[in-house]
C-alpha atoms as a PDB file:
ATOM      1  CA  UNK A   1      77.306 115.181 143.250  1.00  0.00           C
ATOM      2  CA  UNK A   2      78.593 111.798 142.107  1.00  0.00           C
ATOM      3  CA  UNK A   3      76.205 109.807 140.210  1.00  0.00           C
ATOM      4  CA  UNK A   4      75.068 106.404 141.853  1.00  0.00           C
ATOM      5  CA  UNK A   5      76.941 104.501 138.899  1.00  0.00           C
ATOM      6  CA  UNK A   6      80.235 106.122 139.945  1.00  0.00           C
ATOM      7  CA  UNK A   7      79.886 105.068 143.552  1.00  0.00           C
ATOM      8  CA  UNK A   8      78.973 101.499 142.735  1.00  0.00           C
ATOM      9  CA  UNK A   9      81.534 100.991 139.867  1.00  0.00           C
ATOM     10  CA  UNK A  10      84.467 103.517 140.738  1.00  0.00           C
ATOM     11  CA  UNK A  11      86.426 102.332 137.500  1.00  0.00           C
ATOM     12  CA  UNK A  12      85.075 101.279 134.128  1.00  0.00           C
ATOM     13  CA  UNK A  13      86.152  98.036 132.591  1.00  0.00           C
ATOM     14  CA  UNK A  14      86.797  97.870 128.888  1.00  0.00           C
ATOM     15  CA  UNK A  15      87.678  94.055 128.949  1.00  0.00           C
ATOM     16  CA  UNK A  16      87.742  91.004 131.066  1.00  0.00           C
ATOM     17  CA  UNK A  17      89.341  90.559 134.276  1.00  0.00           C
ATOM     18  CA  UNK A  18      92.072  87.931 134.967  1.00  0.00           C
ATOM     19  CA  UNK A  19      89.740  85.893 137.036  1.00  0.00           C
ATOM     20  CA  UNK A  20      87.007  85.791 134.096  1.00  0.00           C
ATOM     21  CA  UNK A  21      89.729  84.531 131.735  1.00  0.00           C
ATOM     22  CA  UNK A  22      91.128  81.956 134.114  1.00  0.00           C
ATOM     23  CA  UNK A  23      87.455  80.596 134.449  1.00  0.00           C
ATOM     24  CA  UNK A  24      86.903  80.790 130.715  1.00  0.00           C
ATOM     25  CA  UNK A  25      90.159  78.755 130.177  1.00  0.00           C
ATOM     26  CA  UNK A  26      89.250  76.233 132.723  1.00  0.00           C
ATOM     27  CA  UNK A  27      85.994  75.460 131.133  1.00  0.00           C
ATOM     28  CA  UNK A  28      87.593  75.309 127.773  1.00  0.00           C
ATOM     29  CA  UNK A  29      90.207  72.890 128.924  1.00  0.00           C
ATOM     30  CA  UNK A  30      87.631  70.522 130.441  1.00  0.00           C
ATOM     31  CA  UNK A  31      85.476  70.706 127.225  1.00  0.00           C
ATOM     32  CA  UNK A  32      88.546  69.874 125.162  1.00  0.00           C
ATOM     33  CA  UNK A  33      89.763  67.002 127.432  1.00  0.00           C
ATOM     34  CA  UNK A  34      86.316  65.378 127.172  1.00  0.00           C
ATOM     35  CA  UNK A  35      86.325  65.794 123.438  1.00  0.00           C
ATOM     36  CA  UNK A  36      89.737  64.190 123.113  1.00  0.00           C
ATOM     37  CA  UNK A  37      88.633  61.262 125.232  1.00  0.00           C
ATOM     38  CA  UNK A  38      85.741  60.722 123.048  1.00  0.00           C
ATOM     39  CA  UNK A  39      87.903  60.862 120.094  1.00  0.00           C
ATOM     40  CA  UNK A  40      90.214  58.424 121.511  1.00  0.00           C
ATOM     41  CA  UNK A  41      87.395  55.868 122.479  1.00  0.00           C
ATOM     42  CA  UNK A  42      85.807  56.106 118.967  1.00  0.00           C
ATOM     43  CA  UNK A  43      89.318  55.456 117.364  1.00  0.00           C
ATOM     44  CA  UNK A  44      89.619  52.308 119.602  1.00  0.00           C
ATOM     45  CA  UNK A  45      86.157  51.210 118.598  1.00  0.00           C
ATOM     46  CA  UNK A  46      86.855  51.454 114.985  1.00  0.00           C
ATOM     47  CA  UNK A  47      90.055  49.492 115.241  1.00  0.00           C
ATOM     48  CA  UNK A  48      88.286  46.582 117.164  1.00  0.00           C
ATOM     49  CA  UNK A  49      85.457  46.804 114.524  1.00  0.00           C
ATOM     50  CA  UNK A  50      88.126  46.486 111.674  1.00  0.00           C
ATOM     51  CA  UNK A  51      89.834  43.556 113.400  1.00  0.00           C
ATOM     52  CA  UNK A  52      86.534  41.643 113.677  1.00  0.00           C
ATOM     53  CA  UNK A  53      85.637  42.372 110.115  1.00  0.00           C
ATOM     54  CA  UNK A  54      89.172  40.969 108.942  1.00  0.00           C
ATOM     55  CA  UNK A  55      88.588  38.025 111.148  1.00  0.00           C
ATOM     56  CA  UNK A  56      85.188  37.410 109.650  1.00  0.00           C
ATOM     57  CA  UNK A  57      86.487  37.740 106.232  1.00  0.00           C
ATOM     58  CA  UNK A  58      89.198  35.199 106.873  1.00  0.00           C
ATOM     59  CA  UNK A  59      86.793  32.802 108.464  1.00  0.00           C
ATOM     60  CA  UNK A  60      84.609  33.125 105.324  1.00  0.00           C
ATOM     61  CA  UNK A  61      87.450  32.681 103.004  1.00  0.00           C
ATOM     62  CA  UNK A  62      88.482  29.439 104.855  1.00  0.00           C
ATOM     63  CA  UNK A  63      84.898  28.159 104.690  1.00  0.00           C
ATOM     64  CA  UNK A  64      84.656  28.770 100.986  1.00  0.00           C
ATOM     65  CA  UNK A  65      88.158  27.040 100.370  1.00  0.00           C
ATOM     66  CA  UNK A  66      86.992  23.975 102.345  1.00  0.00           C
ATOM     67  CA  UNK A  67      83.905  23.726 100.141  1.00  0.00           C
ATOM     68  CA  UNK A  68      85.716  24.379  96.814  1.00  0.00           C
ATOM     69  CA  UNK A  69      88.653  22.106  97.424  1.00  0.00           C
ATOM     70  CA  UNK A  70      86.744  19.368  99.121  1.00  0.00           C
ATOM     71  CA  UNK A  71      89.603  18.893 101.806  1.00  0.00           C
ATOM     72  CA  UNK A  72      88.196  16.780 104.563  1.00  0.00           C
ATOM     73  CA  UNK A  73      91.130  17.462 106.802  1.00  0.00           C
ATOM     74  CA  UNK A  74      91.767  19.519 109.619  1.00  0.00           C
ATOM     75  CA  UNK A  75      94.110  22.639 109.128  1.00  0.00           C
ATOM     76  CA  UNK A  76      95.821  25.367 111.301  1.00  0.00           C
ATOM     77  CA  UNK A  77      97.532  28.503 109.959  1.00  0.00           C
ATOM     78  CA  UNK A  78      98.384  32.005 110.993  1.00  0.00           C
ATOM     79  CA  UNK A  79      97.794  35.157 108.956  1.00  0.00           C
ATOM     80  CA  UNK A  80      99.128  38.522 109.395  1.00  0.00           C
ATOM     81  CA  UNK A  81      96.769  41.270 108.188  1.00  0.00           C
ATOM     82  CA  UNK A  82      96.532  45.112 108.960  1.00  0.00           C
ATOM     83  CA  UNK A  83      99.185  44.810 111.802  1.00  0.00           C
ATOM     84  CA  UNK A  84      97.253  41.983 113.475  1.00  0.00           C
ATOM     85  CA  UNK A  85      98.270  38.218 113.867  1.00  0.00           C
ATOM     86  CA  UNK A  86      95.274  35.958 113.190  1.00  0.00           C
ATOM     87  CA  UNK A  87      95.286  32.260 114.205  1.00  0.00           C
ATOM     88  CA  UNK A  88      92.912  30.196 112.074  1.00  0.00           C
ATOM     89  CA  UNK A  89      91.917  26.612 112.496  1.00  0.00           C
ATOM     90  CA  UNK A  90      89.498  24.417 110.535  1.00  0.00           C
ATOM     91  CA  UNK A  91      87.924  21.385 111.773  1.00  0.00           C
ATOM     92  CA  UNK A  92      85.942  18.885 109.714  1.00  0.00           C
ATOM     93  CA  UNK A  93      83.483  16.721 111.665  1.00  0.00           C
ATOM     94  CA  UNK A  94      81.287  13.918 110.297  1.00  0.00           C
ATOM     95  CA  UNK A  95      77.863  14.636 111.541  1.00  0.00           C
ATOM     96  CA  UNK A  96      75.305  11.907 112.423  1.00  0.00           C
ATOM     97  CA  UNK A  97      72.700  13.153 109.846  1.00  0.00           C
ATOM     98  CA  UNK A  98      75.002  12.341 106.731  1.00  0.00           C
ATOM     99  CA  UNK A  99      76.426  15.828 106.709  1.00  0.00           C
ATOM    100  CA  UNK A 100      79.901  17.272 107.217  1.00  0.00           C
ATOM    101  CA  UNK A 101      80.169  20.044 109.811  1.00  0.00           C
ATOM    102  CA  UNK A 102      82.934  22.529 109.137  1.00  0.00           C
ATOM    103  CA  UNK A 103      84.038  24.642 112.041  1.00  0.00           C
ATOM    104  CA  UNK A 104      86.244  27.653 111.367  1.00  0.00           C
ATOM    105  CA  UNK A 105      87.971  29.347 114.458  1.00  0.00           C
ATOM    106  CA  UNK A 106      89.850  32.720 114.330  1.00  0.00           C
ATOM    107  CA  UNK A 107      91.701  34.072 117.274  1.00  0.00           C
ATOM    108  CA  UNK A 108      93.542  37.352 117.623  1.00  0.00           C
ATOM    109  CA  UNK A 109      94.732  39.271 120.469  1.00  0.00           C
ATOM    110  CA  UNK A 110      92.062  38.393 123.228  1.00  0.00           C
ATOM    111  CA  UNK A 111      89.137  37.750 120.822  1.00  0.00           C
ATOM    112  CA  UNK A 112      87.613  34.651 119.274  1.00  0.00           C
ATOM    113  CA  UNK A 113      85.423  34.216 116.293  1.00  0.00           C
ATOM    114  CA  UNK A 114      83.804  30.781 115.297  1.00  0.00           C
ATOM    115  CA  UNK A 115      81.562  30.018 112.517  1.00  0.00           C
ATOM    116  CA  UNK A 116      80.222  26.552 111.407  1.00  0.00           C
ATOM    117  CA  UNK A 117      78.135  25.154 108.724  1.00  0.00           C
ATOM    118  CA  UNK A 118      76.705  21.563 107.982  1.00  0.00           C
ATOM    119  CA  UNK A 119      76.891  20.446 104.403  1.00  0.00           C
ATOM    120  CA  UNK A 120      75.940  17.279 102.688  1.00  0.00           C
ATOM    121  CA  UNK A 121      78.845  14.646 102.618  1.00  0.00           C
ATOM    122  CA  UNK A 122      81.208  15.606  99.782  1.00  0.00           C
END
């Protein structure tokens, strides 16, 4: 008389079936795709942050140079750093309350950064 186990499972499996392997591979591929997309987004964010950092450093350098050299003129230049071309402009404007306003604009790709300060007339 056959056992109940032999009737329900006529053959014993020592491994995984092909269907189980296909499902496991599908789940693994979806997981890896999501992980790679996350890595791509993080790399793009890092590059954007580095570009903003370089733009801020350039703006600060130009602001310091304007104060040290006491140049009261406007100036425009282009600087190439870290494979990015930055367009920098400095505007010096006489303000109403006896101070000089220095405006530094930095543009790169589609981004724009502007800093300004008001200093006593020099």
